[in-house]
Each structure stands twice: as C-alpha cells, then as structure tokens.
Protein backbone atom coordinates (compact mmCIF):
# COMPACT_ATOMS: atom_id res chain seq x y z
CA MET A 1 -64.35 3.46 0.57
CA LYS A 2 -62.45 6.19 2.46
CA LYS A 3 -59.48 5.77 0.10
CA ILE A 4 -61.71 6.26 -2.94
CA LEU A 5 -63.31 9.39 -1.46
CA GLY A 6 -59.87 10.72 -0.52
CA PHE A 7 -58.59 10.10 -4.04
CA ILE A 8 -61.61 11.87 -5.56
CA LEU A 9 -61.10 14.82 -3.20
CA VAL A 10 -57.43 15.12 -4.19
CA ILE A 11 -58.34 15.03 -7.90
CA LEU A 12 -60.98 17.74 -7.40
CA ILE A 13 -58.55 19.96 -5.51
CA PHE A 14 -55.84 19.77 -8.17
CA THR A 15 -58.14 20.14 -11.16
CA SER A 16 -60.05 23.06 -9.69
CA CYS A 17 -56.89 25.20 -9.48
CA VAL A 18 -56.50 25.64 -13.24
CA THR A 19 -56.85 29.26 -14.37
CA THR A 20 -56.35 31.12 -17.62
CA GLN A 21 -55.07 34.68 -17.94
CA VAL A 22 -54.56 36.89 -20.97
CA ALA A 23 -52.83 40.18 -21.70
CA ASN A 24 -53.96 42.39 -24.57
CA LEU A 25 -50.98 42.99 -26.86
CA GLN A 26 -52.69 45.50 -29.15
CA LYS A 27 -51.89 49.21 -29.13
CA GLU A 28 -54.96 50.97 -27.71
CA THR A 29 -54.33 54.62 -28.67
CA SER A 30 -51.99 56.42 -31.06
CA SER A 31 -49.95 57.74 -28.11
CA ASP A 32 -49.76 54.32 -26.44
CA ILE A 33 -46.44 52.48 -26.18
CA GLU A 34 -46.15 49.82 -28.88
CA ILE A 35 -45.29 46.34 -27.68
CA PHE A 36 -43.67 43.52 -29.62
CA TYR A 37 -43.93 40.03 -28.23
CA ALA A 38 -42.74 37.80 -31.07
CA SER A 39 -41.95 40.27 -33.85
CA GLN A 40 -39.73 43.34 -34.26
CA PRO A 41 -40.67 46.85 -35.43
CA ASN A 42 -40.03 47.62 -39.10
CA LYS A 43 -38.56 51.05 -38.21
CA GLU A 44 -34.99 51.76 -37.16
CA TYR A 45 -34.60 52.10 -33.40
CA THR A 46 -32.14 52.46 -30.54
CA GLU A 47 -32.37 50.29 -27.45
CA ILE A 48 -32.76 52.46 -24.37
CA MET A 49 -32.90 49.99 -21.47
CA TYR A 50 -34.04 46.65 -20.13
CA ILE A 51 -37.26 47.20 -18.24
CA GLN A 52 -39.24 44.94 -15.88
CA ALA A 53 -42.46 45.23 -13.89
CA ASN A 54 -43.27 42.90 -11.01
CA GLY A 55 -46.65 42.10 -9.54
CA GLY A 56 -48.16 40.41 -6.56
CA ILE A 57 -49.79 37.02 -6.39
CA PHE A 58 -53.19 38.38 -7.46
CA HIS A 59 -52.02 40.72 -10.27
CA SER A 60 -52.99 39.78 -13.80
CA PRO A 61 -50.39 39.76 -16.61
CA GLU A 62 -52.40 42.51 -18.34
CA LYS A 63 -52.16 44.79 -15.26
CA ILE A 64 -48.40 44.23 -15.00
CA LEU A 65 -47.99 44.85 -18.74
CA GLU A 66 -49.82 48.16 -18.29
CA LYS A 67 -47.35 49.15 -15.52
CA LEU A 68 -44.44 48.19 -17.79
CA LYS A 69 -45.83 50.44 -20.55
CA GLU A 70 -46.28 53.33 -18.07
CA ARG A 71 -42.64 53.03 -16.99
CA ALA A 72 -41.41 52.85 -20.61
CA ASN A 73 -43.42 55.98 -21.41
CA LYS A 74 -41.86 57.75 -18.39
CA GLU A 75 -38.40 56.83 -19.73
CA GLY A 76 -39.22 58.31 -23.16
CA ALA A 77 -39.56 55.03 -25.05
CA ASP A 78 -41.70 54.59 -28.15
CA ALA A 79 -42.04 50.81 -27.86
CA ILE A 80 -41.01 47.71 -25.94
CA ILE A 81 -39.59 44.69 -27.75
CA ASN A 82 -38.97 41.10 -26.64
CA ILE A 83 -41.81 41.10 -24.12
CA LYS A 84 -41.54 38.13 -21.77
CA PHE A 85 -44.05 36.97 -19.17
CA ASP A 86 -42.55 35.03 -16.26
CA TYR A 87 -42.96 34.13 -12.60
CA GLN A 88 -40.57 34.33 -9.67
CA PHE A 89 -42.11 31.87 -7.26
CA TRP A 90 -45.76 33.02 -7.19
CA TRP A 91 -45.06 36.61 -8.26
CA PRO A 92 -45.58 37.37 -11.94
CA ASN A 93 -43.34 39.74 -13.87
CA VAL A 94 -43.20 41.16 -17.37
CA SER A 95 -39.98 42.39 -18.98
CA GLY A 96 -38.64 43.66 -22.27
CA ILE A 97 -36.31 46.14 -23.98
CA ALA A 98 -37.50 49.76 -24.15
CA ILE A 99 -36.65 51.34 -27.53
CA LYS A 100 -36.72 54.79 -29.14
CA TYR A 101 -37.38 55.16 -32.88
CA LYS A 102 -34.72 57.04 -34.88
C-alpha cells in the first residue's frame, strides 16, 4: 500500500509542474520595434548586431522579449529578426539580429 501511495505522490509531483508561457509577437504601436520570429521583413535592411536578453528563473518570455526590444531601440534598430527563445539551465533568454531598414 505504501508503494502505491508513493507512486501516486511521485506522479502528482511531476504532472503538477507543467506550465505554459506565451510571448506576444505583434507590434503594439507604430514606434514599436518590429519582431520577426519565423519570417523576414519585405523591406531591404542592414544587420546591425546580434542581441540577447537574459532573465531570471521567474521571468516570463514576454518580459524578456520586451527587454530585448528596449535594447534594440536603444541601439537604433527598426526590427529584430530570427527571434529565438531558449534556456541556459533554468534561466530563460531571448535573442535575435537587430536590423536597420535602408
């Protein structure tokens, strides 16, 4: 009986840790940095730099994406292409290529 209860407890622990997170990929204002996850802009552009934002264990991908856009704006970029969401151990990061339209 103890083995069955232990097994049920282990199953509950592992299945209760599932979470879902989203990051809004839509441009919110006309002055906002455009972001391209799977597509490319249809305008000519110059790549400025690789850019990455790192977060802590409890940061959402959307919050880190917002920090990435703030940094790209500070660098004079118009958009970020090739957005990638990743983790280094438990710390999430978002990266991409900052671009300037010609």
